[in-house]
Amino acid sequence: MIKPNFSVNVWVKTLKGQNHQCIHPLIVCICLFFCVFQWAWAEDNNDILYAVHEPLVEKSLLLDIVKTADANFIAVGERGHIIYSSDDGKTWTQSTVPTRSTLTAVFFVNAKRGWAVGHDAIILATFDGGKTWARQFFAPKKEQPFMDIWFHTPQSGIAIGAYGMYLDTQDGGENWNEKYFETLDDPDFGLPHFNSIGFTNENVLYMAGEAGFLARSNSMGDAWASLDRPYIGSYFNLLITDNNTIYASGLRGNIWYSSDQSASWNKIETGSVASVNCGIQLSNGETFFVSMDGVTVHCPKGGFDCKVNLRSDRVALSSVAELTPHHLIAVGEKGVMHIGLDGQDIK
């Protein structure tokens, strides 16, 4: 799923809240030159820059979180940070990660096999439940971030991203193949950003993205067809429930759903203009969405009359996973947060 980059906003807020001595612009330019030179040299020589292990990394900007089959939690975020917890999110350990690129999405196909994607067109894989990671794909010169990744089996998967970037693999990521679908290329607009991919239990795939883009594949990704657009703003997330209800959520508080395999769409009235970043189905059948500006949306099982709540600190939330149906673990601008169905912190 796409996760807005909060890094600049957080950095600006930090500067505004502190007193600083003046730094000569020339020193800044020299530092920037050598940082860029060192990075470019590392890229050209295929050297791997590992994420720096930092204290309180669980309080840094995190953009996605998942719960694995063995009830562990894995979260990814800025500067190549990946953290995992085996005790219901009470404590977190930073993984060994061969990148410093911002990571936008993570997906596990079973308890041990997982993948993470992000900026610099990077794809990482783990074979040990997220403790260590290996680089499978890396193309910084493309200047296209990956936004989401999904695997059907440990061998078969798809990674999608900006400007219509679409790669698939049939060997667990040892080889990734870039694909172009003319059916998704708008002659007036070009290929949109592909932001999120989802799968129904009827073996149908859906994608959502920029400018209201929606697409469907009945062939496990071999061919795609664009769908009619009920909304022309961007979608950031697809949620497909156990009964194959499809939720597409995104800009300005928009959450649209289809209960008839995308033949028609209806809007959930949130009364909010905060962009919706992620939605999950809880184990009791209810659905829960997190947004910018601290907005959360909680919908009953099988119903669309949802309750909208606002966090007291209005902190941006980017993703969420379930610990219990009444205790969730969210990530976002302030890192890991334990929250209730009202969106407020659980002490």
Protein backbone atom coordinates (compact mmCIF):
# COMPACT_ATOMS: atom_id res chain seq x y z
CA MET A 1 0.00 0.00 0.00
CA ILE A 2 1.21 3.78 -0.57
CA LYS A 3 2.37 5.55 2.50
CA PRO A 4 2.78 9.34 2.39
CA ASN A 5 6.32 10.44 3.25
CA PHE A 6 6.06 12.32 6.56
CA SER A 7 9.84 12.76 6.85
CA VAL A 8 10.00 16.37 5.66
CA ASN A 9 7.10 17.44 7.87
CA VAL A 10 8.60 15.76 10.92
CA TRP A 11 12.00 17.33 10.23
CA VAL A 12 10.48 20.80 9.85
CA LYS A 13 8.55 20.43 13.10
CA THR A 14 11.74 19.42 14.89
CA LEU A 15 13.60 22.48 13.61
CA LYS A 16 10.80 24.80 14.63
CA GLY A 17 10.82 23.42 18.15
CA GLN A 18 14.53 23.91 18.84
CA ASN A 19 17.07 26.71 19.08
CA HIS A 20 19.89 26.46 16.56
CA GLN A 21 23.13 28.28 15.93
CA CYS A 22 23.60 29.49 12.37
CA ILE A 23 25.49 27.18 10.05
CA HIS A 24 27.39 28.68 7.15
CA PRO A 25 25.75 27.77 3.83
CA LEU A 26 29.13 26.75 2.37
CA ILE A 27 29.58 24.10 5.08
CA VAL A 28 26.12 22.76 4.31
CA CYS A 29 26.94 22.61 0.59
CA ILE A 30 30.22 20.78 1.22
CA CYS A 31 28.53 18.27 3.51
CA LEU A 32 25.77 17.67 1.00
CA PHE A 33 28.31 17.23 -1.82
CA PHE A 34 30.27 14.58 0.02
CA CYS A 35 27.11 12.79 1.20
CA VAL A 36 25.80 12.64 -2.36
CA PHE A 37 29.23 11.65 -3.71
CA GLN A 38 29.58 8.84 -1.17
CA TRP A 39 26.07 7.59 -1.94
CA ALA A 40 26.63 7.72 -5.70
CA TRP A 41 29.98 5.92 -5.35
CA ALA A 42 28.33 3.19 -3.31
CA GLU A 43 25.56 2.81 -5.89
CA ASP A 44 27.98 2.63 -8.82
CA ASN A 45 30.14 0.07 -7.03
CA ASN A 46 27.14 -1.99 -5.92
CA ASP A 47 28.16 -1.62 -2.28
CA ILE A 48 25.38 -2.25 0.22
CA LEU A 49 24.65 0.37 2.86
CA TYR A 50 22.98 -1.27 5.86
CA ALA A 51 20.34 0.46 7.93
CA VAL A 52 21.88 2.03 11.02
CA HIS A 53 20.78 0.45 14.30
CA GLU A 54 19.29 3.22 16.40
CA PRO A 55 17.91 3.50 19.94
CA LEU A 56 14.15 3.94 20.20
CA VAL A 57 13.76 2.97 16.55
CA GLU A 58 10.18 1.93 17.33
CA LYS A 59 9.42 5.65 17.81
CA SER A 60 10.69 6.64 14.36
CA LEU A 61 8.54 7.09 11.25
CA LEU A 62 7.02 3.73 10.31
CA LEU A 63 4.84 3.20 7.25
CA ASP A 64 3.52 -0.36 7.31
CA ILE A 65 2.94 -3.18 9.78
CA VAL A 66 1.80 -6.80 9.43
CA LYS A 67 0.98 -9.67 11.76
CA THR A 68 2.57 -12.95 10.66
CA ALA A 69 1.10 -16.45 10.82
CA ASP A 70 2.88 -17.11 14.13
CA ALA A 71 1.51 -13.89 15.69
CA ASN A 72 4.69 -11.85 15.40
CA PHE A 73 4.56 -8.24 14.23
CA ILE A 74 6.82 -6.71 11.58
CA ALA A 75 6.95 -2.97 10.83
CA VAL A 76 8.90 -1.04 8.18
CA GLY A 77 9.69 2.62 7.64
CA GLU A 78 12.19 5.36 6.98
CA ARG A 79 15.95 4.86 6.50
CA GLY A 80 15.55 1.12 5.93
CA HIS A 81 14.18 0.49 9.40
CA ILE A 82 12.54 -2.90 9.97
CA ILE A 83 11.54 -3.92 13.48
CA TYR A 84 9.86 -7.03 14.85
CA SER A 85 8.11 -8.05 18.05
CA SER A 86 7.41 -11.51 19.45
CA ASP A 87 5.64 -10.35 22.62
CA ASP A 88 2.48 -8.64 21.35
CA GLY A 89 4.27 -5.40 20.59
CA LYS A 90 5.61 -4.81 24.09
CA THR A 91 9.24 -4.78 22.94
CA TRP A 92 10.79 -4.37 19.51
CA THR A 93 14.04 -5.51 17.93
CA GLN A 94 15.63 -3.88 14.90
CA SER A 95 16.40 -6.23 12.02
CA THR A 96 19.58 -6.40 9.97
CA VAL A 97 18.58 -4.69 6.72
CA PRO A 98 20.78 -4.09 3.63
CA THR A 99 19.40 -0.68 2.70
CA ARG A 100 18.87 2.84 4.00
CA SER A 101 16.03 3.51 1.57
CA THR A 102 12.60 4.31 2.97
CA LEU A 103 10.45 1.17 3.03
CA THR A 104 6.77 1.57 2.19
CA ALA A 105 5.18 -1.89 2.43
CA VAL A 106 5.72 -5.36 3.86
CA PHE A 107 4.00 -8.69 3.15
CA PHE A 108 4.35 -12.19 4.61
CA VAL A 109 3.11 -15.28 2.79
CA ASN A 110 3.74 -17.50 5.84
CA ALA A 111 5.45 -17.27 9.22
CA LYS A 112 8.99 -17.18 7.80
CA ARG A 113 8.83 -15.89 4.21
CA GLY A 114 8.29 -12.19 3.72
CA TRP A 115 9.14 -9.27 1.45
CA ALA A 116 9.46 -5.51 1.90
CA VAL A 117 9.58 -2.81 -0.79
CA GLY A 118 10.28 0.88 -0.96
CA HIS A 119 12.12 3.80 -2.45
CA ASP A 120 15.00 3.31 -4.92
CA ALA A 121 12.92 0.46 -6.40
CA ILE A 122 14.13 -1.90 -3.70
CA ILE A 123 12.77 -5.35 -2.90
CA LEU A 124 13.99 -7.17 0.22
CA ALA A 125 13.29 -10.76 1.28
CA THR A 126 13.45 -12.63 4.58
CA PHE A 127 13.53 -16.36 5.26
CA ASP A 128 13.57 -16.22 9.07
CA GLY A 129 10.45 -14.30 10.01
CA GLY A 130 11.91 -10.83 9.56
CA LYS A 131 15.06 -11.01 11.67
CA THR A 132 17.42 -10.71 8.69
CA TRP A 133 16.85 -9.51 5.15
CA ALA A 134 18.50 -9.86 1.74
CA ARG A 135 18.30 -7.56 -1.25
CA GLN A 136 16.55 -9.08 -4.28
CA PHE A 137 16.03 -6.03 -6.52
CA PHE A 138 17.48 -2.53 -6.44
CA ALA A 139 17.25 0.11 -9.19
CA PRO A 140 17.74 3.62 -7.76
CA LYS A 141 18.34 5.14 -11.19
CA LYS A 142 14.72 4.34 -12.10
CA GLU A 143 13.66 6.97 -9.53
CA GLN A 144 10.46 4.99 -8.97
CA PRO A 145 9.46 3.77 -5.51
CA PHE A 146 7.60 0.54 -5.00
CA MET A 147 4.29 1.08 -3.20
CA ASP A 148 3.03 -2.44 -2.49
CA ILE A 149 3.90 -6.12 -2.76
CA TRP A 150 1.81 -9.29 -2.68
CA PHE A 151 2.57 -13.00 -2.91
CA HIS A 152 0.15 -15.80 -3.72
CA THR A 153 2.63 -18.56 -2.85
CA PRO A 154 6.24 -18.47 -1.64
CA GLN A 155 7.23 -18.55 -5.32
CA SER A 156 4.67 -16.35 -7.09
CA GLY A 157 4.44 -12.62 -6.35
CA ILE A 158 3.88 -9.11 -7.71
CA ALA A 159 5.46 -5.76 -6.79
CA ILE A 160 3.90 -2.48 -7.95
CA GLY A 161 4.84 1.17 -7.77
CA ALA A 162 5.03 4.66 -9.20
CA TYR A 163 4.48 5.47 -12.88
CA GLY A 164 2.95 2.09 -13.59
CA MET A 165 5.91 0.05 -12.34
CA TYR A 166 4.92 -3.63 -12.24
CA LEU A 167 7.22 -6.60 -11.64
CA ASP A 168 6.41 -10.24 -11.05
CA THR A 169 8.33 -13.35 -10.03
CA GLN A 170 7.75 -17.09 -10.26
CA ASP A 171 10.81 -18.16 -8.25
CA GLY A 172 10.40 -16.43 -4.91
CA GLY A 173 12.11 -13.24 -6.04
CA GLU A 174 15.38 -14.65 -7.36
CA ASN A 175 14.34 -13.10 -10.67
CA TRP A 176 11.94 -10.20 -11.12
CA ASN A 177 10.39 -9.47 -14.53
CA GLU A 178 9.12 -6.02 -15.43
CA LYS A 179 5.80 -5.96 -17.29
CA TYR A 180 3.83 -3.38 -19.24
CA PHE A 181 0.07 -3.61 -19.77
CA GLU A 182 -1.23 -1.52 -22.66
CA THR A 183 -4.77 -1.97 -21.31
CA LEU A 184 -3.82 0.16 -18.28
CA ASP A 185 -2.08 2.94 -20.23
CA ASP A 186 -4.33 5.96 -20.65
CA PRO A 187 -3.47 7.79 -23.92
CA ASP A 188 -4.19 11.15 -22.29
CA PHE A 189 -2.75 10.46 -18.85
CA GLY A 190 -0.20 7.67 -19.27
CA LEU A 191 0.36 4.99 -16.68
CA PRO A 192 -0.79 6.02 -13.20
CA HIS A 193 0.94 5.22 -9.95
CA PHE A 194 -0.01 1.71 -8.87
CA ASN A 195 -0.49 2.11 -5.12
CA SER A 196 -2.14 -1.03 -3.77
CA ILE A 197 -2.89 -4.61 -4.81
CA GLY A 198 -5.40 -7.03 -3.30
CA PHE A 199 -6.65 -10.58 -3.79
CA THR A 200 -10.06 -12.22 -3.40
CA ASN A 201 -10.69 -15.82 -2.39
CA GLU A 202 -12.09 -16.30 -5.90
CA ASN A 203 -8.60 -15.88 -7.41
CA VAL A 204 -9.27 -12.36 -8.67
CA LEU A 205 -6.71 -9.58 -8.28
CA TYR A 206 -7.42 -5.86 -8.00
CA MET A 207 -5.18 -2.79 -8.15
CA ALA A 208 -5.89 0.78 -7.09
CA GLY A 209 -3.90 3.94 -7.57
CA GLU A 210 -3.59 7.48 -8.80
CA ALA A 211 -6.47 9.55 -10.17
CA GLY A 212 -9.15 7.00 -9.33
CA PHE A 213 -7.36 4.15 -11.07
CA LEU A 214 -8.93 0.73 -10.50
CA ALA A 215 -8.11 -2.48 -12.35
CA ARG A 216 -9.01 -6.16 -12.23
CA SER A 217 -7.27 -9.36 -13.29
CA ASN A 218 -9.04 -12.69 -13.67
CA SER A 219 -5.78 -14.42 -14.64
CA MET A 220 -3.60 -13.94 -11.55
CA GLY A 221 -1.91 -10.91 -13.10
CA ASP A 222 -1.25 -12.20 -16.62
CA ALA A 223 -3.74 -9.66 -18.02
CA TRP A 224 -5.46 -6.61 -16.56
CA ALA A 225 -8.53 -4.54 -17.41
CA SER A 226 -9.26 -1.02 -16.18
CA LEU A 227 -12.52 -0.49 -14.28
CA ASP A 228 -14.95 2.41 -14.28
CA ARG A 229 -13.92 5.05 -11.76
CA PRO A 230 -16.51 6.13 -9.18
CA TYR A 231 -14.05 8.74 -7.87
CA ILE A 232 -11.22 10.56 -9.65
CA GLY A 233 -9.01 11.16 -6.63
CA SER A 234 -6.15 8.85 -5.71
CA TYR A 235 -6.58 5.62 -3.78
CA PHE A 236 -3.86 4.55 -1.35
CA ASN A 237 -5.20 1.22 -0.12
CA LEU A 238 -7.28 -1.80 -1.10
CA LEU A 239 -8.92 -3.99 1.52
CA ILE A 240 -10.70 -7.17 0.41
CA THR A 241 -12.64 -8.96 3.14
CA ASP A 242 -13.41 -12.65 3.60
CA ASN A 243 -16.75 -12.24 1.83
CA ASN A 244 -15.01 -10.45 -1.09
CA THR A 245 -16.26 -6.97 -0.28
CA ILE A 246 -13.73 -4.57 -1.80
CA TYR A 247 -12.81 -1.31 -0.06
CA ALA A 248 -10.79 1.33 -1.93
CA SER A 249 -9.67 4.23 0.27
CA GLY A 250 -7.58 7.33 -0.26
CA LEU A 251 -7.60 11.10 -0.57
CA ARG A 252 -9.89 13.43 1.35
CA GLY A 253 -11.46 10.78 3.56
CA ASN A 254 -12.76 8.73 0.65
CA ILE A 255 -13.70 5.10 1.31
CA TRP A 256 -15.59 3.32 -1.47
CA TYR A 257 -16.82 -0.26 -1.35
CA SER A 258 -18.18 -2.84 -3.77
CA SER A 259 -20.16 -5.92 -2.78
CA ASP A 260 -20.67 -7.18 -6.34
CA GLN A 261 -17.16 -7.86 -7.65
CA SER A 262 -16.55 -4.23 -8.68
CA ALA A 263 -19.70 -3.94 -10.83
CA SER A 264 -20.88 -1.00 -8.69
CA TRP A 265 -19.44 1.15 -5.92
CA ASN A 266 -20.86 3.00 -2.93
CA LYS A 267 -19.27 5.63 -0.73
CA ILE A 268 -18.90 5.47 3.05
CA GLU A 269 -19.55 8.96 4.41
CA THR A 270 -16.71 9.68 6.82
CA GLY A 271 -17.28 13.42 7.16
CA SER A 272 -13.50 13.79 7.07
CA VAL A 273 -11.03 15.18 4.54
CA ALA A 274 -8.08 13.32 6.06
CA SER A 275 -6.52 10.91 3.57
CA VAL A 276 -7.16 7.26 4.45
CA ASN A 277 -3.94 5.25 4.37
CA CYS A 278 -4.87 1.71 5.40
CA GLY A 279 -7.77 -0.57 6.24
CA ILE A 280 -7.91 -4.04 7.80
CA GLN A 281 -10.56 -6.64 8.53
CA LEU A 282 -10.61 -7.67 12.18
CA SER A 283 -11.00 -11.29 13.26
CA ASN A 284 -14.60 -10.57 14.33
CA GLY A 285 -15.49 -9.37 10.82
CA GLU A 286 -15.44 -5.64 11.57
CA THR A 287 -13.27 -3.26 9.55
CA PHE A 288 -10.98 -0.49 10.73
CA PHE A 289 -9.24 2.31 8.82
CA VAL A 290 -6.47 4.73 9.80
CA SER A 291 -5.82 8.13 8.29
CA MET A 292 -3.81 11.30 8.35
CA ASP A 293 -4.55 13.85 11.07
CA GLY A 294 -5.32 11.13 13.62
CA VAL A 295 -8.64 10.09 12.07
CA THR A 296 -9.83 6.47 12.45
CA VAL A 297 -12.93 4.80 10.99
CA HIS A 298 -14.54 1.73 12.60
CA CYS A 299 -17.22 -0.19 10.69
CA PRO A 300 -19.45 -2.99 12.03
CA LYS A 301 -19.43 -6.49 10.58
CA GLY A 302 -21.34 -6.54 7.31
CA GLY A 303 -22.30 -2.90 7.75
CA PHE A 304 -21.26 0.45 6.36
CA ASP A 305 -22.63 2.81 9.03
CA CYS A 306 -19.20 3.56 10.43
CA LYS A 307 -17.99 5.50 13.45
CA VAL A 308 -15.34 8.16 12.86
CA ASN A 309 -12.99 9.15 15.68
CA LEU A 310 -10.22 11.72 16.05
CA ARG A 311 -7.10 11.14 18.13
CA SER A 312 -6.42 13.83 20.68
CA ASP A 313 -2.88 14.34 19.36
CA ARG A 314 -4.02 14.21 15.69
CA VAL A 315 -0.90 12.26 14.79
CA ALA A 316 -0.79 10.74 11.29
CA LEU A 317 -1.38 6.98 11.15
CA SER A 318 -0.11 5.02 8.16
CA SER A 319 -0.97 1.36 8.87
CA VAL A 320 -2.53 -0.92 11.47
CA ALA A 321 -2.60 -4.58 12.53
CA GLU A 322 -4.77 -6.50 15.00
CA LEU A 323 -3.57 -7.79 18.34
CA THR A 324 -7.14 -8.51 19.48
CA PRO A 325 -10.45 -7.20 18.06
CA HIS A 326 -10.30 -4.42 20.66
CA HIS A 327 -6.54 -3.85 20.80
CA LEU A 328 -4.72 -2.75 17.65
CA ILE A 329 -1.11 -1.87 16.88
CA ALA A 330 -0.80 1.14 14.59
CA VAL A 331 2.27 2.77 13.08
CA GLY A 332 2.85 6.23 11.71
CA GLU A 333 4.50 9.53 12.40
CA LYS A 334 5.29 8.64 16.04
CA GLY A 335 6.28 5.03 15.38
CA VAL A 336 4.45 2.18 17.13
CA MET A 337 1.19 2.96 18.94
CA HIS A 338 -1.19 0.63 20.78
CA ILE A 339 -4.71 1.90 20.14
CA GLY A 340 -8.33 0.96 20.78
CA LEU A 341 -11.25 1.02 18.37
CA ASP A 342 -11.72 4.71 19.23
CA GLY A 343 -8.22 5.39 17.90
CA GLN A 344 -6.92 6.54 21.29
CA ASP A 345 -3.80 5.13 22.94
CA ILE A 346 -4.12 2.09 25.18
CA LYS A 347 -2.04 2.65 28.29
